[in-house]
């Protein structure tokens, strides 16, 4: 193996690691936002149901 080929291989590995690092960070950010939206939707649904039952008892 030539030394220039070894240098390009090492640089390729470093570039691949850097790209993978950014992609994983973006993926985790997207997953965190989706998870947060799901939690907000569930809590909002629970609050809505509680408020609806409170006002239904008042009217009834």
N, C-alpha and C. Protein backbone atom coordinates (compact mmCIF):
# COMPACT_ATOMS: atom_id res chain seq x y z
N UNK A 1 0.85 -1.18 0.00
CA UNK A 1 0.00 0.00 0.00
C UNK A 1 0.90 1.25 0.00
N UNK A 2 0.61 2.15 -0.92
CA UNK A 2 1.39 3.39 -0.97
C UNK A 2 1.03 4.29 0.19
N UNK A 3 1.94 5.16 0.55
CA UNK A 3 1.66 6.05 1.69
C UNK A 3 0.58 7.06 1.33
N UNK A 4 0.49 7.48 0.05
CA UNK A 4 -0.57 8.43 -0.33
C UNK A 4 -1.94 7.76 -0.24
N UNK A 5 -2.00 6.49 -0.57
CA UNK A 5 -3.27 5.76 -0.46
C UNK A 5 -3.68 5.63 1.00
N UNK A 6 -2.72 5.43 1.87
CA UNK A 6 -3.01 5.33 3.31
C UNK A 6 -3.53 6.67 3.84
N UNK A 7 -2.93 7.77 3.39
CA UNK A 7 -3.38 9.09 3.83
C UNK A 7 -4.81 9.34 3.39
N UNK A 8 -5.12 9.01 2.12
CA UNK A 8 -6.49 9.21 1.64
C UNK A 8 -7.49 8.32 2.37
N UNK A 9 -7.07 7.13 2.72
CA UNK A 9 -7.95 6.23 3.49
C UNK A 9 -8.24 6.81 4.87
N UNK A 10 -7.22 7.31 5.54
CA UNK A 10 -7.40 7.91 6.86
C UNK A 10 -8.28 9.15 6.77
N UNK A 11 -8.04 10.01 5.76
CA UNK A 11 -8.88 11.20 5.58
C UNK A 11 -10.33 10.80 5.28
N UNK A 12 -10.51 9.76 4.48
CA UNK A 12 -11.86 9.29 4.18
C UNK A 12 -12.59 8.81 5.43
N UNK A 13 -11.88 8.10 6.29
CA UNK A 13 -12.48 7.63 7.54
C UNK A 13 -12.85 8.82 8.43
N UNK A 14 -11.98 9.81 8.52
CA UNK A 14 -12.27 10.99 9.36
C UNK A 14 -13.48 11.74 8.83
N UNK A 15 -13.54 11.95 7.51
CA UNK A 15 -14.68 12.64 6.90
C UNK A 15 -15.96 11.85 7.13
N UNK A 16 -15.90 10.53 6.99
CA UNK A 16 -17.08 9.69 7.21
C UNK A 16 -17.57 9.80 8.66
N UNK A 17 -16.66 9.84 9.61
CA UNK A 17 -17.04 9.96 11.02
C UNK A 17 -17.70 11.31 11.29
N UNK A 18 -17.12 12.38 10.71
CA UNK A 18 -17.69 13.72 10.91
C UNK A 18 -19.09 13.81 10.32
N UNK A 19 -19.28 13.29 9.10
CA UNK A 19 -20.60 13.31 8.46
C UNK A 19 -21.60 12.49 9.28
N UNK A 20 -21.19 11.32 9.73
CA UNK A 20 -22.08 10.47 10.53
C UNK A 20 -22.45 11.17 11.83
N UNK A 21 -21.50 11.88 12.45
CA UNK A 21 -21.77 12.60 13.70
C UNK A 21 -22.87 13.63 13.50
N UNK A 22 -22.77 14.43 12.42
CA UNK A 22 -23.79 15.43 12.15
C UNK A 22 -25.15 14.80 11.83
N UNK A 23 -25.13 13.72 11.06
CA UNK A 23 -26.39 13.05 10.71
C UNK A 23 -27.09 12.48 11.94
N UNK A 24 -26.31 11.89 12.84
CA UNK A 24 -26.89 11.34 14.07
C UNK A 24 -27.44 12.47 14.95
N UNK A 25 -26.73 13.61 15.03
CA UNK A 25 -27.25 14.74 15.80
C UNK A 25 -28.57 15.25 15.23
N UNK A 26 -28.64 15.36 13.92
CA UNK A 26 -29.88 15.81 13.28
C UNK A 26 -31.00 14.80 13.54
N UNK A 27 -30.69 13.51 13.42
CA UNK A 27 -31.70 12.48 13.65
C UNK A 27 -32.23 12.53 15.07
N UNK A 28 -31.34 12.66 16.05
CA UNK A 28 -31.77 12.74 17.44
C UNK A 28 -32.59 13.99 17.70
N UNK A 29 -32.25 15.10 17.06
CA UNK A 29 -33.03 16.33 17.22
C UNK A 29 -34.45 16.14 16.68
N UNK A 30 -34.56 15.52 15.52
CA UNK A 30 -35.88 15.28 14.93
C UNK A 30 -36.70 14.34 15.80
N UNK A 31 -36.08 13.28 16.28
CA UNK A 31 -36.78 12.33 17.15
C UNK A 31 -37.23 13.00 18.44
N UNK A 32 -36.39 13.88 18.99
CA UNK A 32 -36.75 14.58 20.23
C UNK A 32 -37.94 15.50 20.00
N UNK A 33 -37.97 16.20 18.87
CA UNK A 33 -39.09 17.09 18.57
C UNK A 33 -40.37 16.29 18.38
N UNK A 34 -40.30 15.17 17.67
CA UNK A 34 -41.49 14.33 17.46
C UNK A 34 -41.98 13.79 18.80
N UNK A 35 -41.06 13.32 19.64
CA UNK A 35 -41.44 12.80 20.95
C UNK A 35 -42.10 13.88 21.81
N UNK A 36 -41.55 15.10 21.75
CA UNK A 36 -42.12 16.21 22.52
C UNK A 36 -43.51 16.55 22.01
N UNK A 37 -43.71 16.54 20.71
CA UNK A 37 -45.04 16.81 20.14
C UNK A 37 -46.05 15.76 20.55
N UNK A 38 -45.64 14.51 20.60
CA UNK A 38 -46.54 13.44 21.03
C UNK A 38 -46.94 13.65 22.49
N UNK A 39 -45.98 13.97 23.35
CA UNK A 39 -46.29 14.20 24.76
C UNK A 39 -47.23 15.39 24.92
N UNK A 40 -46.99 16.47 24.18
CA UNK A 40 -47.86 17.65 24.26
C UNK A 40 -49.27 17.29 23.80
N UNK A 41 -49.40 16.51 22.75
CA UNK A 41 -50.72 16.12 22.25
C UNK A 41 -51.47 15.28 23.28
N UNK A 42 -50.77 14.36 23.94
CA UNK A 42 -51.42 13.51 24.95
C UNK A 42 -51.86 14.35 26.15
N UNK A 43 -51.00 15.24 26.62
CA UNK A 43 -51.36 16.09 27.76
C UNK A 43 -52.52 17.02 27.40
N UNK A 44 -52.48 17.58 26.20
CA UNK A 44 -53.57 18.46 25.76
C UNK A 44 -54.89 17.70 25.69
N UNK A 45 -54.85 16.47 25.23
CA UNK A 45 -56.07 15.65 25.17
C UNK A 45 -56.61 15.37 26.58
N UNK A 46 -55.73 15.05 27.51
CA UNK A 46 -56.15 14.80 28.89
C UNK A 46 -56.76 16.05 29.50
N UNK A 47 -56.12 17.20 29.31
CA UNK A 47 -56.64 18.46 29.84
C UNK A 47 -57.99 18.78 29.21
N UNK A 48 -58.12 18.58 27.91
CA UNK A 48 -59.39 18.83 27.23
C UNK A 48 -60.50 17.96 27.79
N UNK A 49 -60.22 16.67 28.01
CA UNK A 49 -61.24 15.77 28.53
C UNK A 49 -61.64 16.14 29.96
N UNK A 50 -60.66 16.54 30.78
CA UNK A 50 -60.96 16.96 32.14
C UNK A 50 -61.81 18.22 32.14
N UNK A 51 -61.44 19.20 31.33
CA UNK A 51 -62.22 20.45 31.27
C UNK A 51 -63.62 20.19 30.75
N UNK A 52 -63.76 19.33 29.76
CA UNK A 52 -65.08 19.03 29.21
C UNK A 52 -65.96 18.36 30.26
N UNK A 53 -65.37 17.44 31.03
CA UNK A 53 -66.18 16.77 32.05
C UNK A 53 -66.55 17.74 33.17
N UNK A 54 -65.67 18.67 33.52
CA UNK A 54 -65.98 19.66 34.57
C UNK A 54 -67.12 20.55 34.12
N UNK A 55 -67.06 21.05 32.90
CA UNK A 55 -68.12 21.95 32.41
C UNK A 55 -69.41 21.18 32.14
N UNK A 56 -69.34 19.91 31.80
CA UNK A 56 -70.55 19.11 31.56
C UNK A 56 -71.29 18.88 32.88
N UNK A 57 -70.57 18.70 33.97
CA UNK A 57 -71.21 18.52 35.28
C UNK A 57 -71.88 19.80 35.73
N UNK A 58 -71.26 20.93 35.43
CA UNK A 58 -71.83 22.22 35.81
C UNK A 58 -73.15 22.48 35.10
N UNK A 59 -73.17 22.16 33.81
CA UNK A 59 -74.38 22.41 33.01
C UNK A 59 -75.47 21.42 33.34
N UNK A 60 -75.10 20.20 33.69
CA UNK A 60 -76.09 19.14 33.88
C UNK A 60 -76.74 19.24 35.20
